[in-house]
Amino acid sequence: MGGVVVLTETDKITGFESKRPGYQRVLEMARRHEIDGVVVFVVARFGRDEAEGITEANNLERIGVTLYSVTEPIEHPLVRSMMFLLAHNESRDKSRYVQLGMRGKAAQGKWQGRPPVGYRIGRDDNGANPRLVPDDQAPLVRQLFEAAARGD
């Protein structure tokens, strides 16, 4: 493949979102013919919305910019389209599994994520089952809420 890396982008936004700043910068550079290739680890990193990914990969190809995947054989448009479809499906499945896991943890009373101010994550006697427990700031938080409720 060879070449010079002129830009590295790492968007922290879901691949389903086409307005990702880094993604848009890459597409703009391609349209201005400032690059002749885009390298991704897997096509899912280019985009998880299959229609958007396929369309933009085809648009890049039309203007002479090649999309490369480090780990997938996407030279043929049919294979590339299939990889986008598989990435989309995998992402949707993973989202469903994560949601099911989160619901299950919530049903068991397990806390997920960062604790709110005034709490910390505690464990049960077995060192498992993360739960919210008041921390040193809890009395202050309670005072603030009580003052707000009184209209102070």
N, C-alpha and C. Protein backbone atom coordinates (compact mmCIF):
# COMPACT_ATOMS: atom_id res chain seq x y z
N MET A 1 0.85 -1.18 0.00
CA MET A 1 0.00 0.00 0.00
C MET A 1 0.89 1.24 0.00
N GLY A 2 1.79 1.41 0.94
CA GLY A 2 2.68 2.57 0.97
C GLY A 2 1.92 3.87 1.13
N GLY A 3 2.63 4.94 1.39
CA GLY A 3 1.99 6.24 1.51
C GLY A 3 2.45 6.99 2.73
N VAL A 4 1.90 8.19 2.87
CA VAL A 4 2.23 9.07 3.98
C VAL A 4 0.94 9.35 4.75
N VAL A 5 1.00 9.20 6.05
CA VAL A 5 -0.17 9.52 6.88
C VAL A 5 -0.22 11.03 7.03
N VAL A 6 -1.32 11.64 6.59
CA VAL A 6 -1.46 13.09 6.69
C VAL A 6 -2.45 13.52 7.76
N LEU A 7 -3.22 12.56 8.27
CA LEU A 7 -4.24 12.89 9.27
C LEU A 7 -4.63 11.62 10.01
N THR A 8 -4.77 11.74 11.31
CA THR A 8 -5.30 10.64 12.12
C THR A 8 -6.51 11.18 12.86
N GLU A 9 -7.64 10.51 12.72
CA GLU A 9 -8.87 10.95 13.37
C GLU A 9 -9.39 9.85 14.28
N THR A 10 -9.87 10.23 15.44
CA THR A 10 -10.48 9.30 16.38
C THR A 10 -11.71 9.97 16.96
N ASP A 11 -12.85 9.72 16.34
CA ASP A 11 -14.10 10.27 16.87
C ASP A 11 -14.56 9.45 18.05
N LYS A 12 -15.08 10.13 19.06
CA LYS A 12 -15.61 9.46 20.25
C LYS A 12 -17.13 9.29 20.17
N ILE A 13 -17.68 9.56 19.02
CA ILE A 13 -19.12 9.51 18.80
C ILE A 13 -19.45 8.20 18.08
N THR A 14 -20.63 7.68 18.28
CA THR A 14 -21.04 6.43 17.63
C THR A 14 -20.86 6.50 16.11
N GLY A 15 -20.50 5.36 15.55
CA GLY A 15 -20.35 5.25 14.11
C GLY A 15 -21.65 5.38 13.35
N PHE A 16 -22.78 5.36 14.08
CA PHE A 16 -24.07 5.57 13.42
C PHE A 16 -24.31 7.05 13.13
N GLU A 17 -23.52 7.91 13.72
CA GLU A 17 -23.70 9.36 13.56
C GLU A 17 -22.80 9.86 12.42
N SER A 18 -23.41 10.32 11.34
CA SER A 18 -22.63 10.76 10.18
C SER A 18 -22.00 12.13 10.38
N LYS A 19 -22.42 12.88 11.37
CA LYS A 19 -21.89 14.22 11.59
C LYS A 19 -20.65 14.23 12.49
N ARG A 20 -20.02 13.08 12.67
CA ARG A 20 -18.79 13.01 13.47
C ARG A 20 -17.75 13.96 12.86
N PRO A 21 -17.14 14.83 13.66
CA PRO A 21 -16.20 15.84 13.13
C PRO A 21 -15.03 15.22 12.35
N GLY A 22 -14.41 14.19 12.91
CA GLY A 22 -13.27 13.58 12.22
C GLY A 22 -13.66 12.94 10.91
N TYR A 23 -14.77 12.25 10.90
CA TYR A 23 -15.30 11.61 9.70
C TYR A 23 -15.56 12.66 8.63
N GLN A 24 -16.19 13.77 9.02
CA GLN A 24 -16.48 14.84 8.06
C GLN A 24 -15.19 15.47 7.53
N ARG A 25 -14.18 15.63 8.39
CA ARG A 25 -12.88 16.18 7.93
C ARG A 25 -12.26 15.28 6.87
N VAL A 26 -12.30 13.98 7.11
CA VAL A 26 -11.73 13.03 6.14
C VAL A 26 -12.48 13.12 4.81
N LEU A 27 -13.81 13.14 4.85
CA LEU A 27 -14.58 13.23 3.61
C LEU A 27 -14.29 14.54 2.87
N GLU A 28 -14.17 15.64 3.61
CA GLU A 28 -13.86 16.93 2.98
C GLU A 28 -12.47 16.90 2.32
N MET A 29 -11.50 16.32 3.02
CA MET A 29 -10.16 16.22 2.43
C MET A 29 -10.20 15.39 1.15
N ALA A 30 -11.00 14.33 1.16
CA ALA A 30 -11.12 13.49 -0.03
C ALA A 30 -11.75 14.28 -1.17
N ARG A 31 -12.81 15.03 -0.87
CA ARG A 31 -13.48 15.82 -1.92
C ARG A 31 -12.57 16.88 -2.51
N ARG A 32 -11.65 17.41 -1.68
CA ARG A 32 -10.70 18.42 -2.16
C ARG A 32 -9.45 17.78 -2.78
N HIS A 33 -9.46 16.45 -2.88
CA HIS A 33 -8.35 15.69 -3.47
C HIS A 33 -7.04 15.91 -2.71
N GLU A 34 -7.13 16.08 -1.39
CA GLU A 34 -5.95 16.24 -0.54
C GLU A 34 -5.42 14.90 -0.07
N ILE A 35 -6.20 13.84 -0.25
CA ILE A 35 -5.78 12.49 0.11
C ILE A 35 -6.18 11.54 -1.01
N ASP A 36 -5.47 10.42 -1.07
CA ASP A 36 -5.85 9.43 -2.08
C ASP A 36 -6.23 8.09 -1.47
N GLY A 37 -6.26 8.05 -0.14
CA GLY A 37 -6.67 6.82 0.54
C GLY A 37 -7.12 7.10 1.96
N VAL A 38 -7.98 6.25 2.46
CA VAL A 38 -8.45 6.29 3.85
C VAL A 38 -8.22 4.90 4.42
N VAL A 39 -7.49 4.83 5.53
CA VAL A 39 -7.19 3.54 6.15
C VAL A 39 -7.95 3.43 7.47
N VAL A 40 -8.67 2.33 7.62
CA VAL A 40 -9.39 2.04 8.86
C VAL A 40 -8.97 0.66 9.34
N PHE A 41 -9.14 0.43 10.63
CA PHE A 41 -8.82 -0.90 11.16
C PHE A 41 -9.85 -1.92 10.66
N VAL A 42 -11.12 -1.56 10.77
CA VAL A 42 -12.23 -2.35 10.23
C VAL A 42 -13.24 -1.36 9.66
N VAL A 43 -14.06 -1.79 8.70
CA VAL A 43 -15.00 -0.85 8.09
C VAL A 43 -15.97 -0.26 9.10
N ALA A 44 -16.23 -0.98 10.19
CA ALA A 44 -17.12 -0.46 11.22
C ALA A 44 -16.58 0.84 11.81
N ARG A 45 -15.28 1.06 11.75
CA ARG A 45 -14.68 2.30 12.25
C ARG A 45 -14.93 3.45 11.27
N PHE A 46 -15.21 3.14 10.02
CA PHE A 46 -15.56 4.18 9.03
C PHE A 46 -16.99 4.61 9.27
N GLY A 47 -17.85 3.65 9.55
CA GLY A 47 -19.25 3.95 9.83
C GLY A 47 -20.05 2.69 10.05
N ARG A 48 -21.01 2.77 10.98
CA ARG A 48 -21.83 1.60 11.26
C ARG A 48 -23.19 1.66 10.61
N ASP A 49 -23.56 2.82 10.10
CA ASP A 49 -24.80 2.90 9.35
C ASP A 49 -24.49 2.37 7.96
N GLU A 50 -25.07 1.22 7.63
CA GLU A 50 -24.67 0.55 6.40
C GLU A 50 -24.92 1.39 5.15
N ALA A 51 -26.04 2.09 5.08
CA ALA A 51 -26.34 2.89 3.89
C ALA A 51 -25.34 4.03 3.75
N GLU A 52 -25.07 4.72 4.84
CA GLU A 52 -24.09 5.82 4.82
C GLU A 52 -22.71 5.31 4.45
N GLY A 53 -22.28 4.22 5.09
CA GLY A 53 -20.95 3.68 4.83
C GLY A 53 -20.77 3.24 3.39
N ILE A 54 -21.74 2.51 2.87
CA ILE A 54 -21.66 2.04 1.49
C ILE A 54 -21.66 3.22 0.53
N THR A 55 -22.55 4.17 0.75
CA THR A 55 -22.64 5.35 -0.12
C THR A 55 -21.34 6.14 -0.12
N GLU A 56 -20.80 6.42 1.07
CA GLU A 56 -19.57 7.23 1.14
C GLU A 56 -18.37 6.47 0.60
N ALA A 57 -18.30 5.16 0.82
CA ALA A 57 -17.20 4.37 0.26
C ALA A 57 -17.27 4.41 -1.27
N ASN A 58 -18.47 4.30 -1.82
CA ASN A 58 -18.64 4.39 -3.28
C ASN A 58 -18.31 5.79 -3.79
N ASN A 59 -18.72 6.82 -3.04
CA ASN A 59 -18.37 8.19 -3.43
C ASN A 59 -16.86 8.40 -3.44
N LEU A 60 -16.18 7.87 -2.42
CA LEU A 60 -14.72 7.98 -2.39
C LEU A 60 -14.12 7.31 -3.61
N GLU A 61 -14.59 6.12 -3.91
CA GLU A 61 -14.08 5.38 -5.06
C GLU A 61 -14.26 6.17 -6.36
N ARG A 62 -15.41 6.82 -6.52
CA ARG A 62 -15.70 7.60 -7.74
C ARG A 62 -14.73 8.76 -7.93
N ILE A 63 -14.25 9.33 -6.80
CA ILE A 63 -13.34 10.47 -6.93
C ILE A 63 -11.88 10.06 -6.80
N GLY A 64 -11.63 8.74 -6.84
CA GLY A 64 -10.26 8.25 -6.86
C GLY A 64 -9.61 8.06 -5.50
N VAL A 65 -10.41 8.02 -4.44
CA VAL A 65 -9.88 7.80 -3.09
C VAL A 65 -10.24 6.38 -2.68
N THR A 66 -9.25 5.60 -2.29
CA THR A 66 -9.46 4.20 -1.93
C THR A 66 -9.66 4.06 -0.43
N LEU A 67 -10.65 3.27 -0.05
CA LEU A 67 -10.87 2.92 1.35
C LEU A 67 -10.17 1.59 1.61
N TYR A 68 -9.26 1.58 2.59
CA TYR A 68 -8.52 0.38 2.95
C TYR A 68 -8.93 -0.05 4.36
N SER A 69 -9.03 -1.35 4.56
CA SER A 69 -9.22 -1.90 5.90
C SER A 69 -7.98 -2.73 6.23
N VAL A 70 -7.44 -2.50 7.40
CA VAL A 70 -6.25 -3.23 7.82
C VAL A 70 -6.55 -4.71 8.01
N THR A 71 -7.79 -5.04 8.38
CA THR A 71 -8.11 -6.41 8.77
C THR A 71 -9.12 -7.12 7.85
N GLU A 72 -9.66 -6.42 6.86
CA GLU A 72 -10.71 -7.02 6.03
C GLU A 72 -10.40 -6.86 4.54
N PRO A 73 -10.77 -7.85 3.74
CA PRO A 73 -10.56 -7.75 2.29
C PRO A 73 -11.72 -7.00 1.63
N ILE A 74 -11.61 -5.68 1.53
CA ILE A 74 -12.75 -4.89 1.03
C ILE A 74 -12.50 -4.28 -0.35
N GLU A 75 -11.56 -4.83 -1.10
CA GLU A 75 -11.26 -4.26 -2.42
C GLU A 75 -12.45 -4.34 -3.36
N HIS A 76 -13.19 -5.43 -3.30
CA HIS A 76 -14.34 -5.60 -4.18
C HIS A 76 -15.56 -4.91 -3.56
N PRO A 77 -16.29 -4.10 -4.34
CA PRO A 77 -17.44 -3.37 -3.80
C PRO A 77 -18.49 -4.25 -3.13
N LEU A 78 -18.72 -5.46 -3.66
CA LEU A 78 -19.70 -6.35 -3.06
C LEU A 78 -19.25 -6.80 -1.67
N VAL A 79 -17.99 -7.17 -1.55
CA VAL A 79 -17.45 -7.60 -0.26
C VAL A 79 -17.48 -6.43 0.72
N ARG A 80 -17.09 -5.27 0.24
CA ARG A 80 -17.09 -4.07 1.10
C ARG A 80 -18.50 -3.78 1.62
N SER A 81 -19.49 -3.87 0.74
CA SER A 81 -20.88 -3.65 1.15
C SER A 81 -21.32 -4.68 2.18
N MET A 82 -20.94 -5.93 1.97
CA MET A 82 -21.28 -6.98 2.94
C MET A 82 -20.64 -6.69 4.30
N MET A 83 -19.42 -6.19 4.30
CA MET A 83 -18.74 -5.88 5.57
C MET A 83 -19.47 -4.76 6.30
N PHE A 84 -19.95 -3.77 5.56
CA PHE A 84 -20.74 -2.70 6.20
C PHE A 84 -22.04 -3.26 6.78
N LEU A 85 -22.70 -4.14 6.04
CA LEU A 85 -23.94 -4.75 6.54
C LEU A 85 -23.69 -5.58 7.79
N LEU A 86 -22.60 -6.35 7.78
CA LEU A 86 -22.27 -7.16 8.95
C LEU A 86 -21.91 -6.29 10.15
N ALA A 87 -21.18 -5.20 9.92
CA ALA A 87 -20.81 -4.29 11.01
C ALA A 87 -22.06 -3.66 11.63
N HIS A 88 -22.99 -3.27 10.78
CA HIS A 88 -24.24 -2.69 11.26
C HIS A 88 -25.01 -3.70 12.13
N ASN A 89 -25.12 -4.91 11.63
CA ASN A 89 -25.85 -5.95 12.35
C ASN A 89 -25.17 -6.28 13.68
N GLU A 90 -23.85 -6.40 13.66
CA GLU A 90 -23.11 -6.70 14.89
C GLU A 90 -23.31 -5.61 15.93
N SER A 91 -23.27 -4.36 15.50
CA SER A 91 -23.44 -3.25 16.43
C SER A 91 -24.84 -3.26 17.04
N ARG A 92 -25.86 -3.50 16.24
CA ARG A 92 -27.23 -3.56 16.75
C ARG A 92 -27.38 -4.70 17.76
N ASP A 93 -26.81 -5.86 17.43
CA ASP A 93 -26.88 -7.00 18.34
C ASP A 93 -26.18 -6.69 19.66
N LYS A 94 -24.98 -6.10 19.57
CA LYS A 94 -24.23 -5.77 20.77
C LYS A 94 -25.00 -4.78 21.64
N SER A 95 -25.65 -3.83 21.01
CA SER A 95 -26.45 -2.85 21.75
C SER A 95 -27.58 -3.54 22.51
N ARG A 96 -28.23 -4.49 21.86
CA ARG A 96 -29.32 -5.21 22.54
C ARG A 96 -28.80 -6.00 23.74
N TYR A 97 -27.64 -6.66 23.58
CA TYR A 97 -27.07 -7.44 24.68
C TYR A 97 -26.67 -6.54 25.84
N VAL A 98 -26.09 -5.39 25.53
CA VAL A 98 -25.69 -4.45 26.58
C VAL A 98 -26.92 -3.96 27.33
N GLN A 99 -27.97 -3.60 26.59
CA GLN A 99 -29.20 -3.14 27.24
C GLN A 99 -29.81 -4.22 28.13
N LEU A 100 -29.80 -5.45 27.66
CA LEU A 100 -30.32 -6.55 28.48
C LEU A 100 -29.50 -6.70 29.75
N GLY A 101 -28.18 -6.63 29.63
CA GLY A 101 -27.30 -6.73 30.79
C GLY A 101 -27.54 -5.61 31.78
N MET A 102 -27.71 -4.39 31.26
CA MET A 102 -27.96 -3.25 32.13
C MET A 102 -29.30 -3.39 32.86
N ARG A 103 -30.32 -3.85 32.14
CA ARG A 103 -31.62 -4.05 32.78
C ARG A 103 -31.53 -5.11 33.88
N GLY A 104 -30.79 -6.18 33.59
CA GLY A 104 -30.61 -7.25 34.57
C GLY A 104 -29.90 -6.75 35.82
N LYS A 105 -28.85 -5.95 35.64
CA LYS A 105 -28.14 -5.39 36.79
C LYS A 105 -29.03 -4.45 37.58
N ALA A 106 -29.79 -3.62 36.86
CA ALA A 106 -30.70 -2.69 37.54
C ALA A 106 -31.76 -3.46 38.33
N ALA A 107 -32.27 -4.56 37.79
CA ALA A 107 -33.28 -5.35 38.48
C ALA A 107 -32.72 -5.98 39.76
N GLN A 108 -31.40 -6.21 39.78
CA GLN A 108 -30.74 -6.77 40.96
C GLN A 108 -30.29 -5.68 41.92
N GLY A 109 -30.56 -4.43 41.57
CA GLY A 109 -30.17 -3.32 42.44
C GLY A 109 -28.71 -2.94 42.32
N LYS A 110 -28.04 -3.38 41.28
CA LYS A 110 -26.62 -3.05 41.10
C LYS A 110 -26.49 -1.71 40.39
N TRP A 111 -25.60 -0.88 40.88
CA TRP A 111 -25.38 0.43 40.28
C TRP A 111 -24.49 0.29 39.06
N GLN A 112 -24.77 1.11 38.05
CA GLN A 112 -23.97 1.12 36.82
C GLN A 112 -23.53 2.54 36.54
N GLY A 113 -22.32 2.74 36.21
CA GLY A 113 -21.83 4.07 35.87
C GLY A 113 -21.23 4.78 37.07
N ARG A 114 -20.96 6.07 36.89
CA ARG A 114 -20.37 6.87 37.95
C ARG A 114 -21.42 7.21 39.01
N PRO A 115 -21.02 7.19 40.26
CA PRO A 115 -21.99 7.53 41.30
C PRO A 115 -22.27 9.02 41.33
N PRO A 116 -23.48 9.42 41.75
CA PRO A 116 -23.79 10.85 41.87
C PRO A 116 -23.03 11.44 43.07
N VAL A 117 -22.97 12.76 43.12
CA VAL A 117 -22.31 13.45 44.22
C VAL A 117 -22.97 13.04 45.53
N GLY A 118 -22.15 12.74 46.52
CA GLY A 118 -22.67 12.32 47.81
C GLY A 118 -22.71 10.82 47.99
N TYR A 119 -22.30 10.08 46.97
CA TYR A 119 -22.30 8.62 47.04
C TYR A 119 -21.01 8.07 46.48
N ARG A 120 -20.73 6.86 46.84
CA ARG A 120 -19.62 6.11 46.26
C ARG A 120 -20.12 4.70 45.97
N ILE A 121 -19.35 3.97 45.21
CA ILE A 121 -19.71 2.59 44.92
C ILE A 121 -19.20 1.72 46.08
N GLY A 122 -20.10 0.99 46.68
CA GLY A 122 -19.73 0.07 47.75
C GLY A 122 -19.97 -1.35 47.30
N ARG A 123 -19.48 -2.28 48.05
CA ARG A 123 -19.65 -3.71 47.72
C ARG A 123 -20.34 -4.41 48.88
N ASP A 124 -20.95 -5.54 48.57
CA ASP A 124 -21.57 -6.32 49.64
C ASP A 124 -20.48 -7.06 50.42
N ASP A 125 -20.88 -7.89 51.37
CA ASP A 125 -19.92 -8.59 52.23
C ASP A 125 -19.00 -9.53 51.45
N ASN A 126 -19.43 -9.96 50.29
CA ASN A 126 -18.61 -10.85 49.46
C ASN A 126 -17.69 -10.09 48.52
N GLY A 127 -17.73 -8.76 48.56
CA GLY A 127 -16.90 -7.95 47.68
C GLY A 127 -17.46 -7.84 46.28
N ALA A 128 -18.71 -8.20 46.12
CA ALA A 128 -19.34 -8.15 44.79
C ALA A 128 -20.54 -7.21 44.86
N ASN A 129 -21.32 -7.23 43.82
CA ASN A 129 -22.58 -6.48 43.75
C ASN A 129 -22.41 -5.00 44.08
N PRO A 130 -21.89 -4.23 43.15
CA PRO A 130 -21.71 -2.80 43.42
C PRO A 130 -23.03 -2.09 43.72
N ARG A 131 -23.02 -1.32 44.79
CA ARG A 131 -24.21 -0.58 45.21
C ARG A 131 -23.79 0.82 45.63
N LEU A 132 -24.74 1.74 45.60
CA LEU A 132 -24.48 3.10 46.06
C LEU A 132 -24.52 3.15 47.59
N VAL A 133 -23.50 3.78 48.15
CA VAL A 133 -23.50 4.02 49.60
C VAL A 133 -23.11 5.48 49.82
N PRO A 134 -23.70 6.12 50.83
CA PRO A 134 -23.37 7.53 51.09
C PRO A 134 -21.89 7.70 51.40
N ASP A 135 -21.32 8.82 50.93
CA ASP A 135 -19.92 9.12 51.26
C ASP A 135 -19.87 10.33 52.17
N ASP A 136 -18.69 10.92 52.35
CA ASP A 136 -18.51 12.04 53.26
C ASP A 136 -19.30 13.28 52.84
N GLN A 137 -19.62 13.40 51.58
CA GLN A 137 -20.35 14.57 51.09
C GLN A 137 -21.87 14.42 51.20
N ALA A 138 -22.33 13.23 51.53
CA ALA A 138 -23.77 12.97 51.58
C ALA A 138 -24.52 13.93 52.49
N PRO A 139 -24.04 14.23 53.71
CA PRO A 139 -24.78 15.17 54.57
C PRO A 139 -24.92 16.56 53.94
N LEU A 140 -23.88 17.03 53.27
CA LEU A 140 -23.94 18.33 52.61
C LEU A 140 -24.96 18.31 51.48
N VAL A 141 -24.96 17.26 50.69
CA VAL A 141 -25.93 17.14 49.59
C VAL A 141 -27.35 17.15 50.16
N ARG A 142 -27.57 16.42 51.26
CA ARG A 142 -28.89 16.38 51.88
C ARG A 142 -29.29 17.79 52.35
N GLN A 143 -28.35 18.51 52.97
CA GLN A 143 -28.64 19.88 53.44
C GLN A 143 -29.02 20.79 52.28
N LEU A 144 -28.29 20.68 51.17
CA LEU A 144 -28.58 21.51 50.00
C LEU A 144 -29.98 21.22 49.45
N PHE A 145 -30.35 19.95 49.37
CA PHE A 145 -31.69 19.60 48.88
C PHE A 145 -32.77 20.08 49.84
N GLU A 146 -32.53 19.93 51.12
CA GLU A 146 -33.52 20.40 52.11
C GLU A 146 -33.68 21.92 52.03
N ALA A 147 -32.56 22.63 51.87
CA ALA A 147 -32.63 24.11 51.74
C ALA A 147 -33.38 24.49 50.48
N ALA A 148 -33.14 23.79 49.40
CA ALA A 148 -33.85 24.09 48.15
C ALA A 148 -35.34 23.80 48.29
N ALA A 149 -35.67 22.74 48.99
CA ALA A 149 -37.09 22.39 49.19
C ALA A 149 -37.81 23.44 50.04
N ARG A 150 -37.07 24.05 50.96
CA ARG A 150 -37.67 25.11 51.80
C ARG A 150 -37.72 26.44 51.05
N GLY A 151 -37.02 26.52 49.95
CA GLY A 151 -36.97 27.78 49.20
C GLY A 151 -35.86 28.71 49.66
N ASP A 152 -34.91 28.18 50.42
CA ASP A 152 -33.78 29.00 50.91
C ASP A 152 -32.79 29.29 49.80
